[in-house]
Amino acid sequence: MAKNWQLQEAKNQFSTVVEKALTDGYQVVTRHGQPAVVIMSVEEFRKLKPRAQPLSRFLADSPLGVLGNLPPRSRDLPRKIDL
């Protein structure tokens, strides 16, 4: 279970904070009473970090992929507009 640590306490007991992050899950460090940073294991971090993939794969896997090809784009020249 996550525990909140005051910054000074986390600095003084850093090895304990790291051990708790490895065994009990992420640990929250607060500064001036507000959450400032989270210390977590690399394993947890890798689960949260999105995997890099090419844009083409991302678009092919998107829900819009079921729409198929888009209609052809008009090659007409733009109209002239007087401003």
N, C-alpha and C. Protein backbone atom coordinates (compact mmCIF):
# COMPACT_ATOMS: atom_id res chain seq x y z
N MET A 1 0.85 -1.18 0.00
CA MET A 1 0.00 0.00 0.00
C MET A 1 0.88 1.24 0.00
N ALA A 2 0.50 2.24 -0.74
CA ALA A 2 1.27 3.47 -0.83
C ALA A 2 1.27 4.21 0.49
N LYS A 3 2.40 4.81 0.80
CA LYS A 3 2.52 5.61 2.01
C LYS A 3 2.99 7.00 1.62
N ASN A 4 2.52 8.00 2.33
CA ASN A 4 3.00 9.36 2.12
C ASN A 4 4.18 9.61 3.05
N TRP A 5 5.23 10.17 2.49
CA TRP A 5 6.43 10.53 3.24
C TRP A 5 6.66 12.02 3.11
N GLN A 6 6.94 12.69 4.22
CA GLN A 6 7.36 14.08 4.13
C GLN A 6 8.76 14.10 3.53
N LEU A 7 9.09 15.13 2.80
CA LEU A 7 10.36 15.20 2.08
C LEU A 7 11.56 14.96 3.00
N GLN A 8 11.60 15.62 4.13
CA GLN A 8 12.73 15.46 5.04
C GLN A 8 12.83 14.02 5.54
N GLU A 9 11.69 13.43 5.87
CA GLU A 9 11.66 12.04 6.33
C GLU A 9 12.12 11.09 5.22
N ALA A 10 11.69 11.34 3.99
CA ALA A 10 12.10 10.51 2.86
C ALA A 10 13.60 10.62 2.62
N LYS A 11 14.17 11.83 2.77
CA LYS A 11 15.62 11.99 2.59
C LYS A 11 16.38 11.23 3.67
N ASN A 12 15.90 11.31 4.90
CA ASN A 12 16.59 10.64 6.00
C ASN A 12 16.48 9.12 5.94
N GLN A 13 15.40 8.62 5.36
CA GLN A 13 15.16 7.18 5.31
C GLN A 13 15.02 6.69 3.87
N PHE A 14 15.87 7.22 2.99
CA PHE A 14 15.71 6.92 1.57
C PHE A 14 15.78 5.42 1.27
N SER A 15 16.70 4.71 1.88
CA SER A 15 16.80 3.27 1.60
C SER A 15 15.52 2.56 2.03
N THR A 16 14.89 3.00 3.10
CA THR A 16 13.62 2.41 3.53
C THR A 16 12.52 2.73 2.53
N VAL A 17 12.49 3.96 2.04
CA VAL A 17 11.49 4.35 1.05
C VAL A 17 11.63 3.50 -0.20
N VAL A 18 12.87 3.29 -0.64
CA VAL A 18 13.11 2.47 -1.84
C VAL A 18 12.68 1.03 -1.58
N GLU A 19 13.02 0.49 -0.44
CA GLU A 19 12.64 -0.89 -0.11
C GLU A 19 11.12 -1.04 -0.07
N LYS A 20 10.42 -0.06 0.52
CA LYS A 20 8.96 -0.09 0.55
C LYS A 20 8.38 -0.01 -0.86
N ALA A 21 9.00 0.80 -1.73
CA ALA A 21 8.52 0.91 -3.10
C ALA A 21 8.66 -0.43 -3.82
N LEU A 22 9.72 -1.15 -3.53
CA LEU A 22 9.95 -2.45 -4.17
C LEU A 22 9.01 -3.53 -3.65
N THR A 23 8.68 -3.46 -2.37
CA THR A 23 7.88 -4.53 -1.76
C THR A 23 6.40 -4.20 -1.63
N ASP A 24 6.08 -2.95 -1.30
CA ASP A 24 4.69 -2.58 -0.99
C ASP A 24 4.01 -1.77 -2.09
N GLY A 25 4.76 -1.33 -3.09
CA GLY A 25 4.17 -0.48 -4.13
C GLY A 25 4.67 0.95 -4.01
N TYR A 26 4.16 1.79 -4.89
CA TYR A 26 4.68 3.15 -4.99
C TYR A 26 4.57 3.91 -3.67
N GLN A 27 5.48 4.86 -3.48
CA GLN A 27 5.53 5.71 -2.30
C GLN A 27 5.44 7.16 -2.73
N VAL A 28 4.64 7.93 -2.04
CA VAL A 28 4.42 9.34 -2.39
C VAL A 28 5.23 10.21 -1.43
N VAL A 29 6.00 11.14 -2.00
CA VAL A 29 6.77 12.09 -1.20
C VAL A 29 6.08 13.44 -1.31
N THR A 30 5.81 14.03 -0.16
CA THR A 30 5.11 15.32 -0.14
C THR A 30 6.09 16.45 0.20
N ARG A 31 5.76 17.63 -0.30
CA ARG A 31 6.53 18.83 0.03
C ARG A 31 5.52 19.91 0.38
N HIS A 32 5.67 20.49 1.52
CA HIS A 32 4.74 21.49 2.04
C HIS A 32 3.31 20.93 2.09
N GLY A 33 3.20 19.65 2.42
CA GLY A 33 1.90 19.02 2.57
C GLY A 33 1.21 18.59 1.28
N GLN A 34 1.83 18.86 0.13
CA GLN A 34 1.25 18.52 -1.16
C GLN A 34 2.06 17.40 -1.82
N PRO A 35 1.41 16.44 -2.47
CA PRO A 35 2.16 15.39 -3.18
C PRO A 35 3.11 16.03 -4.20
N ALA A 36 4.38 15.60 -4.18
CA ALA A 36 5.38 16.19 -5.07
C ALA A 36 5.92 15.16 -6.06
N VAL A 37 6.29 13.98 -5.57
CA VAL A 37 6.85 12.95 -6.45
C VAL A 37 6.40 11.58 -5.99
N VAL A 38 6.54 10.62 -6.90
CA VAL A 38 6.22 9.24 -6.59
C VAL A 38 7.48 8.41 -6.83
N ILE A 39 7.79 7.56 -5.88
CA ILE A 39 8.89 6.63 -6.03
C ILE A 39 8.29 5.25 -6.24
N MET A 40 8.68 4.60 -7.34
CA MET A 40 8.13 3.28 -7.66
C MET A 40 9.20 2.40 -8.25
N SER A 41 8.92 1.11 -8.27
CA SER A 41 9.86 0.17 -8.85
C SER A 41 9.90 0.34 -10.37
N VAL A 42 10.99 -0.07 -10.97
CA VAL A 42 11.12 0.00 -12.42
C VAL A 42 10.06 -0.88 -13.08
N GLU A 43 9.74 -2.00 -12.48
CA GLU A 43 8.72 -2.89 -13.02
C GLU A 43 7.37 -2.19 -13.12
N GLU A 44 6.97 -1.48 -12.05
CA GLU A 44 5.71 -0.73 -12.08
C GLU A 44 5.75 0.37 -13.13
N PHE A 45 6.90 1.06 -13.21
CA PHE A 45 7.05 2.15 -14.17
C PHE A 45 6.90 1.64 -15.60
N ARG A 46 7.52 0.51 -15.90
CA ARG A 46 7.44 -0.04 -17.25
C ARG A 46 6.01 -0.44 -17.62
N LYS A 47 5.23 -0.85 -16.64
CA LYS A 47 3.82 -1.17 -16.91
C LYS A 47 3.04 0.08 -17.30
N LEU A 48 3.39 1.21 -16.70
CA LEU A 48 2.67 2.46 -16.96
C LEU A 48 3.14 3.14 -18.23
N LYS A 49 4.41 2.96 -18.58
CA LYS A 49 4.99 3.65 -19.71
C LYS A 49 4.45 3.08 -21.02
N PRO A 50 3.91 3.94 -21.90
CA PRO A 50 3.39 3.42 -23.17
C PRO A 50 4.53 2.91 -24.04
N ARG A 51 4.25 1.89 -24.80
CA ARG A 51 5.26 1.33 -25.69
C ARG A 51 5.34 2.18 -26.95
N ALA A 52 6.56 2.44 -27.37
CA ALA A 52 6.77 3.22 -28.59
C ALA A 52 6.40 2.37 -29.80
N GLN A 53 5.71 2.98 -30.73
CA GLN A 53 5.34 2.29 -31.96
C GLN A 53 5.27 3.31 -33.08
N PRO A 54 5.46 2.86 -34.30
CA PRO A 54 5.37 3.81 -35.41
C PRO A 54 3.96 4.40 -35.53
N LEU A 55 3.90 5.61 -36.04
CA LEU A 55 2.61 6.28 -36.20
C LEU A 55 1.68 5.47 -37.10
N SER A 56 2.23 4.85 -38.13
CA SER A 56 1.39 4.06 -39.03
C SER A 56 0.71 2.90 -38.30
N ARG A 57 1.43 2.25 -37.38
CA ARG A 57 0.85 1.14 -36.62
C ARG A 57 -0.23 1.67 -35.68
N PHE A 58 0.05 2.82 -35.04
CA PHE A 58 -0.92 3.43 -34.13
C PHE A 58 -2.22 3.74 -34.86
N LEU A 59 -2.11 4.34 -36.05
CA LEU A 59 -3.30 4.69 -36.81
C LEU A 59 -4.04 3.46 -37.32
N ALA A 60 -3.28 2.43 -37.72
CA ALA A 60 -3.92 1.20 -38.21
C ALA A 60 -4.68 0.50 -37.09
N ASP A 61 -4.17 0.60 -35.86
CA ASP A 61 -4.81 -0.05 -34.72
C ASP A 61 -5.94 0.78 -34.12
N SER A 62 -6.09 2.02 -34.55
CA SER A 62 -7.09 2.90 -33.94
C SER A 62 -8.49 2.46 -34.34
N PRO A 63 -9.50 2.85 -33.59
CA PRO A 63 -10.88 2.50 -33.93
C PRO A 63 -11.31 3.04 -35.30
N LEU A 64 -10.65 4.06 -35.79
CA LEU A 64 -11.00 4.62 -37.09
C LEU A 64 -10.55 3.72 -38.24
N GLY A 65 -9.70 2.75 -37.95
CA GLY A 65 -9.24 1.84 -38.99
C GLY A 65 -10.36 1.06 -39.63
N VAL A 66 -11.47 0.87 -38.93
CA VAL A 66 -12.60 0.11 -39.48
C VAL A 66 -13.33 0.91 -40.56
N LEU A 67 -13.07 2.20 -40.66
CA LEU A 67 -13.73 3.02 -41.67
C LEU A 67 -13.19 2.76 -43.07
N GLY A 68 -12.03 2.16 -43.14
CA GLY A 68 -11.45 1.89 -44.44
C GLY A 68 -10.79 3.13 -45.01
N ASN A 69 -10.64 3.15 -46.31
CA ASN A 69 -9.99 4.28 -46.97
C ASN A 69 -10.92 5.49 -46.99
N LEU A 70 -10.31 6.65 -46.89
CA LEU A 70 -11.08 7.89 -46.97
C LEU A 70 -11.41 8.19 -48.42
N PRO A 71 -12.45 8.95 -48.69
CA PRO A 71 -12.78 9.29 -50.08
C PRO A 71 -11.64 10.08 -50.71
N PRO A 72 -11.49 10.01 -52.02
CA PRO A 72 -10.39 10.73 -52.67
C PRO A 72 -10.55 12.23 -52.49
N ARG A 73 -9.42 12.89 -52.37
CA ARG A 73 -9.40 14.32 -52.17
C ARG A 73 -9.54 15.03 -53.51
N SER A 74 -10.31 16.10 -53.54
CA SER A 74 -10.49 16.87 -54.76
C SER A 74 -9.18 17.56 -55.12
N ARG A 75 -8.82 17.53 -56.39
CA ARG A 75 -7.59 18.16 -56.86
C ARG A 75 -7.86 19.52 -57.51
N ASP A 76 -9.10 20.01 -57.38
CA ASP A 76 -9.45 21.31 -57.95
C ASP A 76 -8.63 22.40 -57.27
N LEU A 77 -8.38 23.47 -58.03
CA LEU A 77 -7.67 24.61 -57.45
C LEU A 77 -8.62 25.36 -56.52
N PRO A 78 -8.10 26.02 -55.52
CA PRO A 78 -8.98 26.78 -54.63
C PRO A 78 -9.59 27.97 -55.36
N ARG A 79 -10.77 28.37 -54.92
CA ARG A 79 -11.41 29.51 -55.56
C ARG A 79 -10.78 30.81 -55.06
N LYS A 80 -10.88 31.81 -55.91
CA LYS A 80 -10.36 33.12 -55.55
C LYS A 80 -11.42 33.85 -54.75
N ILE A 81 -10.97 34.51 -53.71
CA ILE A 81 -11.88 35.26 -52.84
C ILE A 81 -11.33 36.67 -52.72
N ASP A 82 -12.17 37.66 -52.99
CA ASP A 82 -11.77 39.04 -52.82
C ASP A 82 -12.01 39.45 -51.38
N LEU A 83 -10.97 39.97 -50.79
CA LEU A 83 -11.10 40.42 -49.39
C LEU A 83 -11.13 41.92 -49.31
